Amino acid sequence: MSEAFTVWIAAILTLMVYSYLLADNPLYRLAQHVFVGSSVGYAAVVVIHNVLRLRLADPLLDDPRANWPYLVPLLLGLLLLSLIHI
């Protein structure tokens, strides 16, 4: 994205947040949802890249026999994910 576009988006979101000073309104709530959504998305990408891939998948793919204890957190995590969709 171009820098001017991101500056305009940041300025609009800032004004939407400052609109809370007038009253609680839909613009403020939209800005709030955008900020929370982008934060959760960023956190999910960081967890997948830094934790799941580097500390779980890579050791298991390098030498599965030596790193078999890593299967326990993998299986527990898969069980947690399966419970979410019930």
C-alpha atoms as a PDB file:
ATOM      1  CA  MET A   1       0.000   0.000   0.000  1.00  0.00           C
ATOM      2  CA  SER A   2       1.120   3.519  -0.549  1.00  0.00           C
ATOM      3  CA  GLU A   3       2.104   5.643   2.397  1.00  0.00           C
ATOM      4  CA  ALA A   4      -0.518   8.305   1.689  1.00  0.00           C
ATOM      5  CA  PHE A   5      -3.307   5.715   1.795  1.00  0.00           C
ATOM      6  CA  THR A   6      -2.203   4.361   5.169  1.00  0.00           C
ATOM      7  CA  VAL A   7      -1.911   7.886   6.579  1.00  0.00           C
ATOM      8  CA  TRP A   8      -5.484   8.636   5.501  1.00  0.00           C
ATOM      9  CA  ILE A   9      -6.762   5.391   7.038  1.00  0.00           C
ATOM     10  CA  ALA A  10      -4.962   6.176  10.296  1.00  0.00           C
ATOM     11  CA  ALA A  11      -6.367   9.709  10.345  1.00  0.00           C
ATOM     12  CA  ILE A  12      -9.929   8.509   9.710  1.00  0.00           C
ATOM     13  CA  LEU A  13      -9.675   5.841  12.412  1.00  0.00           C
ATOM     14  CA  THR A  14      -8.285   8.414  14.845  1.00  0.00           C
ATOM     15  CA  LEU A  15     -11.222  10.737  14.195  1.00  0.00           C
ATOM     16  CA  MET A  16     -13.597   7.811  14.626  1.00  0.00           C
ATOM     17  CA  VAL A  17     -12.069   7.070  18.034  1.00  0.00           C
ATOM     18  CA  TYR A  18     -12.251  10.730  19.064  1.00  0.00           C
ATOM     19  CA  SER A  19     -15.932  10.768  18.113  1.00  0.00           C
ATOM     20  CA  TYR A  20     -16.515   8.893  21.373  1.00  0.00           C
ATOM     21  CA  LEU A  21     -16.095  12.241  23.139  1.00  0.00           C
ATOM     22  CA  LEU A  22     -19.428  13.349  21.691  1.00  0.00           C
ATOM     23  CA  ALA A  23     -21.308  10.152  22.514  1.00  0.00           C
ATOM     24  CA  ASP A  24     -21.122   6.423  22.031  1.00  0.00           C
ATOM     25  CA  ASN A  25     -21.835   6.017  18.329  1.00  0.00           C
ATOM     26  CA  PRO A  26     -21.498   3.475  15.498  1.00  0.00           C
ATOM     27  CA  LEU A  27     -18.314   5.093  14.153  1.00  0.00           C
ATOM     28  CA  TYR A  28     -16.530   4.563  17.453  1.00  0.00           C
ATOM     29  CA  ARG A  29     -17.719   0.969  17.630  1.00  0.00           C
ATOM     30  CA  LEU A  30     -16.544   0.315  14.063  1.00  0.00           C
ATOM     31  CA  ALA A  31     -13.096   1.705  14.887  1.00  0.00           C
ATOM     32  CA  GLN A  32     -13.029  -0.395  18.028  1.00  0.00           C
ATOM     33  CA  HIS A  33     -13.857  -3.556  16.076  1.00  0.00           C
ATOM     34  CA  VAL A  34     -11.213  -2.759  13.442  1.00  0.00           C
ATOM     35  CA  PHE A  35      -8.520  -2.280  16.095  1.00  0.00           C
ATOM     36  CA  VAL A  36      -9.454  -5.456  17.991  1.00  0.00           C
ATOM     37  CA  GLY A  37      -9.686  -7.480  14.782  1.00  0.00           C
ATOM     38  CA  SER A  38      -6.318  -6.335  13.506  1.00  0.00           C
ATOM     39  CA  SER A  39      -4.705  -7.013  16.899  1.00  0.00           C
ATOM     40  CA  VAL A  40      -6.115 -10.532  17.087  1.00  0.00           C
ATOM     41  CA  GLY A  41      -5.069 -11.242  13.506  1.00  0.00           C
ATOM     42  CA  TYR A  42      -1.528 -10.031  14.170  1.00  0.00           C
ATOM     43  CA  ALA A  43      -1.297 -12.098  17.354  1.00  0.00           C
ATOM     44  CA  ALA A  44      -2.520 -15.210  15.532  1.00  0.00           C
ATOM     45  CA  VAL A  45       0.106 -14.823  12.803  1.00  0.00           C
ATOM     46  CA  VAL A  46       2.870 -14.323  15.380  1.00  0.00           C
ATOM     47  CA  VAL A  47       1.805 -17.421  17.329  1.00  0.00           C
ATOM     48  CA  ILE A  48       1.598 -19.568  14.202  1.00  0.00           C
ATOM     49  CA  HIS A  49       4.968 -18.409  12.901  1.00  0.00           C
ATOM     50  CA  ASN A  50       7.010 -18.214  16.104  1.00  0.00           C
ATOM     51  CA  VAL A  51       5.499 -20.964  18.228  1.00  0.00           C
ATOM     52  CA  LEU A  52       3.798 -23.574  16.111  1.00  0.00           C
ATOM     53  CA  ARG A  53       6.182 -23.576  13.185  1.00  0.00           C
ATOM     54  CA  LEU A  54       9.553 -22.829  14.785  1.00  0.00           C
ATOM     55  CA  ARG A  55       9.182 -24.668  18.080  1.00  0.00           C
ATOM     56  CA  LEU A  56       6.835 -27.513  17.212  1.00  0.00           C
ATOM     57  CA  ALA A  57       6.704 -28.353  13.519  1.00  0.00           C
ATOM     58  CA  ASP A  58      10.371 -27.822  12.627  1.00  0.00           C
ATOM     59  CA  PRO A  59      11.778 -30.090  15.386  1.00  0.00           C
ATOM     60  CA  LEU A  60       9.255 -32.800  14.517  1.00  0.00           C
ATOM     61  CA  LEU A  61      10.110 -32.635  10.829  1.00  0.00           C
ATOM     62  CA  ASP A  62      13.878 -32.605  11.452  1.00  0.00           C
ATOM     63  CA  ASP A  63      14.119 -35.726  13.602  1.00  0.00           C
ATOM     64  CA  PRO A  64      10.795 -37.272  14.672  1.00  0.00           C
ATOM     65  CA  ARG A  65      12.383 -40.092  16.695  1.00  0.00           C
ATOM     66  CA  ALA A  66      14.493 -37.801  18.868  1.00  0.00           C
ATOM     67  CA  ASN A  67      11.733 -35.227  19.309  1.00  0.00           C
ATOM     68  CA  TRP A  68       8.795 -37.524  20.040  1.00  0.00           C
ATOM     69  CA  PRO A  69       7.847 -35.614  23.257  1.00  0.00           C
ATOM     70  CA  TYR A  70       6.756 -32.743  21.009  1.00  0.00           C
ATOM     71  CA  LEU A  71       3.839 -34.916  19.904  1.00  0.00           C
ATOM     72  CA  VAL A  72       2.134 -34.451  23.291  1.00  0.00           C
ATOM     73  CA  PRO A  73       1.553 -30.670  22.945  1.00  0.00           C
ATOM     74  CA  LEU A  74       0.658 -31.183  19.296  1.00  0.00           C
ATOM     75  CA  LEU A  75      -2.045 -33.718  20.152  1.00  0.00           C
ATOM     76  CA  LEU A  76      -3.355 -31.625  23.055  1.00  0.00           C
ATOM     77  CA  GLY A  77      -3.553 -28.575  20.818  1.00  0.00           C
ATOM     78  CA  LEU A  78      -5.426 -30.526  18.171  1.00  0.00           C
ATOM     79  CA  LEU A  79      -7.864 -31.711  20.838  1.00  0.00           C
ATOM     80  CA  LEU A  80      -8.455 -28.121  21.914  1.00  0.00           C
ATOM     81  CA  LEU A  81      -9.099 -27.082  18.317  1.00  0.00           C
ATOM     82  CA  SER A  82     -11.572 -29.922  17.870  1.00  0.00           C
ATOM     83  CA  LEU A  83     -13.514 -28.780  20.961  1.00  0.00           C
ATOM     84  CA  ILE A  84     -13.928 -25.264  19.566  1.00  0.00           C
ATOM     85  CA  HIS A  85     -16.002 -26.477  16.613  1.00  0.00           C
ATOM     86  CA  ILE A  86     -18.528 -28.456  18.629  1.00  0.00           C
END
